[in-house]
Structures are given as structure tokens and as C-alpha cells.
Amino acid sequence: MFHGLLGNATEMTVEDARAEVADVLIEGEVVETAFLIIRDMMVFTPKRLILVDKQGLTGKKVEYLSIPWSSIIAFATETAGSWDLDSELKIWVKGQSAPTIKRFKKGSNILAVQQTLARYVLK
């Protein structure tokens, strides 16, 4: 949890992730893995990637972006260099001209997130 507060991607328990997204899951949909980045989350289900963006000081305003696996056409990771402060994950979705971007603090295990994403997209 401490790494999550610093902006590092940390794997969450399935139970905690399920509790956070229970209202947006459809009947029979299960959370298989999830990552916490500060207050935001990336939730992986067999059907889609759910990006949870908690907004404002209290985090009560929440955006849930659902991306079906079949809609992801490309993704890229950019690791932090010597002088960079963060890493980036970019996801291109059908019908969108610009990628969806998630930023991670330097020292995050962005490659673990990328490998998890690859397992779902490249099935």
C-alpha cells in the first residue's frame, strides 16, 4: 500500500479490487487481477480492462473507463530514464485518435502491468 501512495503500481488483492468495482461488474464477471496507482486502479477481468480514476480531494467522484479487450489495438510502455520522474503506459483503442495514458512514478513496476496487459490483449 505504501508504494501505491507514492504513485508506484502495486498489485491489489482480488477481494479489494472487486469491492471497488462491484457496481460496474456485470453478472458473472470476475476480477482476476488489479493494480493500484495512488488512488487510481487498473482492474483486469476476462471481458475488459477497467480504469478507475478517483477525482477531487475526497476521491468520491469516480470515473470508470471500460475497455473491452477486443477494442485495444496497441499499447506501449515508456520506462523512466535517468532524468525522468515517471513512466507511461499508453493504450490505443479502436475509434480513438489519441491513446489513453496512465502515468507511473519512477521505480514503479510498469513492466508487470505491461505483461499483464499483454496476457489479455494477445490471447
Protein backbone atom coordinates (compact mmCIF):
# COMPACT_ATOMS: atom_id res chain seq x y z
CA MET A 1 0.00 0.00 0.00
CA PHE A 2 2.87 2.42 0.81
CA HIS A 3 4.18 2.12 -2.77
CA GLY A 4 0.68 2.86 -4.08
CA LEU A 5 0.63 6.11 -2.11
CA LEU A 6 3.89 7.14 -3.75
CA GLY A 7 2.47 6.52 -7.23
CA ASN A 8 4.09 3.14 -7.71
CA ALA A 9 2.00 0.41 -9.24
CA THR A 10 1.22 -2.22 -6.64
CA GLU A 11 -0.80 -5.35 -7.16
CA MET A 12 -4.06 -5.35 -5.20
CA THR A 13 -5.90 -8.28 -3.72
CA VAL A 14 -8.75 -9.52 -5.87
CA GLU A 15 -11.14 -9.01 -2.96
CA ASP A 16 -10.21 -5.32 -2.53
CA ALA A 17 -10.47 -4.67 -6.27
CA ARG A 18 -13.82 -6.47 -6.51
CA ALA A 19 -15.19 -4.33 -3.67
CA GLU A 20 -14.11 -1.15 -5.50
CA VAL A 21 -15.74 -2.07 -8.85
CA ALA A 22 -18.65 -4.27 -7.72
CA ASP A 23 -21.22 -1.78 -9.03
CA VAL A 24 -19.83 -1.81 -12.58
CA LEU A 25 -19.29 -5.55 -12.98
CA ILE A 26 -21.89 -7.49 -14.95
CA GLU A 27 -23.39 -10.75 -13.73
CA GLY A 28 -20.78 -13.50 -13.73
CA GLU A 29 -17.85 -11.13 -14.39
CA VAL A 30 -14.90 -11.69 -12.08
CA VAL A 31 -11.85 -9.63 -11.19
CA GLU A 32 -8.72 -11.62 -11.99
CA THR A 33 -6.02 -9.09 -11.07
CA ALA A 34 -5.70 -5.38 -10.32
CA PHE A 35 -3.07 -2.71 -9.76
CA LEU A 36 -3.29 0.36 -7.52
CA ILE A 37 -1.61 3.61 -8.59
CA ILE A 38 -2.05 6.18 -5.80
CA ARG A 39 -5.90 6.23 -5.68
CA ASP A 40 -6.45 5.06 -9.26
CA MET A 41 -6.77 1.43 -10.28
CA MET A 42 -6.40 -0.84 -13.28
CA VAL A 43 -8.74 -3.84 -12.98
CA PHE A 44 -8.42 -6.86 -15.27
CA THR A 45 -11.42 -9.11 -15.94
CA PRO A 46 -11.82 -11.76 -18.65
CA LYS A 47 -14.02 -9.31 -20.58
CA ARG A 48 -12.35 -5.92 -20.20
CA LEU A 49 -9.88 -3.55 -18.63
CA ILE A 50 -11.49 -1.16 -16.14
CA LEU A 51 -9.56 2.05 -15.44
CA VAL A 52 -10.75 3.63 -12.20
CA ASP A 53 -9.93 7.33 -11.86
CA LYS A 54 -10.75 8.80 -8.44
CA GLN A 55 -11.03 12.57 -8.71
CA GLY A 56 -11.05 15.51 -6.34
CA LEU A 57 -9.69 15.83 -2.83
CA THR A 58 -12.03 13.26 -1.34
CA GLY A 59 -11.99 10.78 -4.22
CA LYS A 60 -15.79 10.50 -4.08
CA LYS A 61 -16.14 11.45 -7.75
CA VAL A 62 -15.04 8.39 -9.73
CA GLU A 63 -14.72 7.70 -13.46
CA TYR A 64 -14.87 4.07 -14.60
CA LEU A 65 -13.48 3.61 -18.11
CA SER A 66 -14.28 0.16 -19.52
CA ILE A 67 -12.20 -1.00 -22.45
CA PRO A 68 -13.19 -4.36 -23.97
CA TRP A 69 -10.14 -6.46 -24.83
CA SER A 70 -11.22 -6.65 -28.49
CA SER A 71 -11.05 -2.83 -28.71
CA ILE A 72 -7.40 -2.49 -27.74
CA ILE A 73 -5.34 -2.25 -30.93
CA ALA A 74 -1.95 -1.34 -29.45
CA PHE A 75 -0.20 -0.49 -26.21
CA ALA A 76 3.20 0.84 -25.24
CA THR A 77 5.25 1.36 -22.12
CA GLU A 78 7.83 4.06 -21.65
CA THR A 79 10.11 3.45 -18.70
CA ALA A 80 11.67 6.28 -16.73
CA GLY A 81 15.19 7.22 -17.76
CA SER A 82 17.93 8.71 -15.63
CA TRP A 83 16.39 12.19 -15.55
CA ASP A 84 12.72 11.26 -15.95
CA LEU A 85 10.35 11.38 -13.00
CA ASP A 86 7.75 8.99 -14.36
CA SER A 87 6.89 6.15 -16.72
CA GLU A 88 3.90 5.94 -19.04
CA LEU A 89 1.53 3.28 -20.27
CA LYS A 90 -0.28 4.17 -23.49
CA ILE A 91 -3.29 2.22 -24.75
CA TRP A 92 -4.75 2.78 -28.22
CA VAL A 93 -8.43 1.93 -28.58
CA LYS A 94 -10.40 1.47 -31.82
CA GLY A 95 -12.14 4.68 -32.83
CA GLN A 96 -9.91 6.98 -30.77
CA SER A 97 -7.18 9.09 -32.36
CA ALA A 98 -5.20 9.64 -29.16
CA PRO A 99 -4.12 6.95 -26.71
CA THR A 100 -5.34 6.63 -23.15
CA ILE A 101 -2.31 7.41 -20.95
CA LYS A 102 -1.59 6.29 -17.40
CA ARG A 103 1.44 7.73 -15.61
CA PHE A 104 3.51 5.87 -13.04
CA LYS A 105 6.21 7.21 -10.74
CA LYS A 106 9.82 6.29 -11.38
CA GLY A 107 10.58 2.97 -9.70
CA SER A 108 7.14 1.52 -10.45
CA ASN A 109 6.95 -1.97 -11.82
CA ILE A 110 5.33 -0.76 -15.03
CA LEU A 111 6.64 -3.84 -16.83
CA ALA A 112 4.49 -6.09 -14.61
CA VAL A 113 1.46 -4.04 -15.64
CA GLN A 114 2.52 -4.28 -19.30
CA GLN A 115 2.99 -8.05 -19.06
CA THR A 116 -0.46 -8.45 -17.52
CA LEU A 117 -1.96 -6.31 -20.27
CA ALA A 118 -0.16 -8.36 -22.91
CA ARG A 119 -1.59 -11.61 -21.50
CA TYR A 120 -5.12 -10.32 -22.05
CA VAL A 121 -4.70 -8.48 -25.35
CA LEU A 122 -2.54 -11.08 -27.11
CA LYS A 123 -4.73 -14.11 -26.34
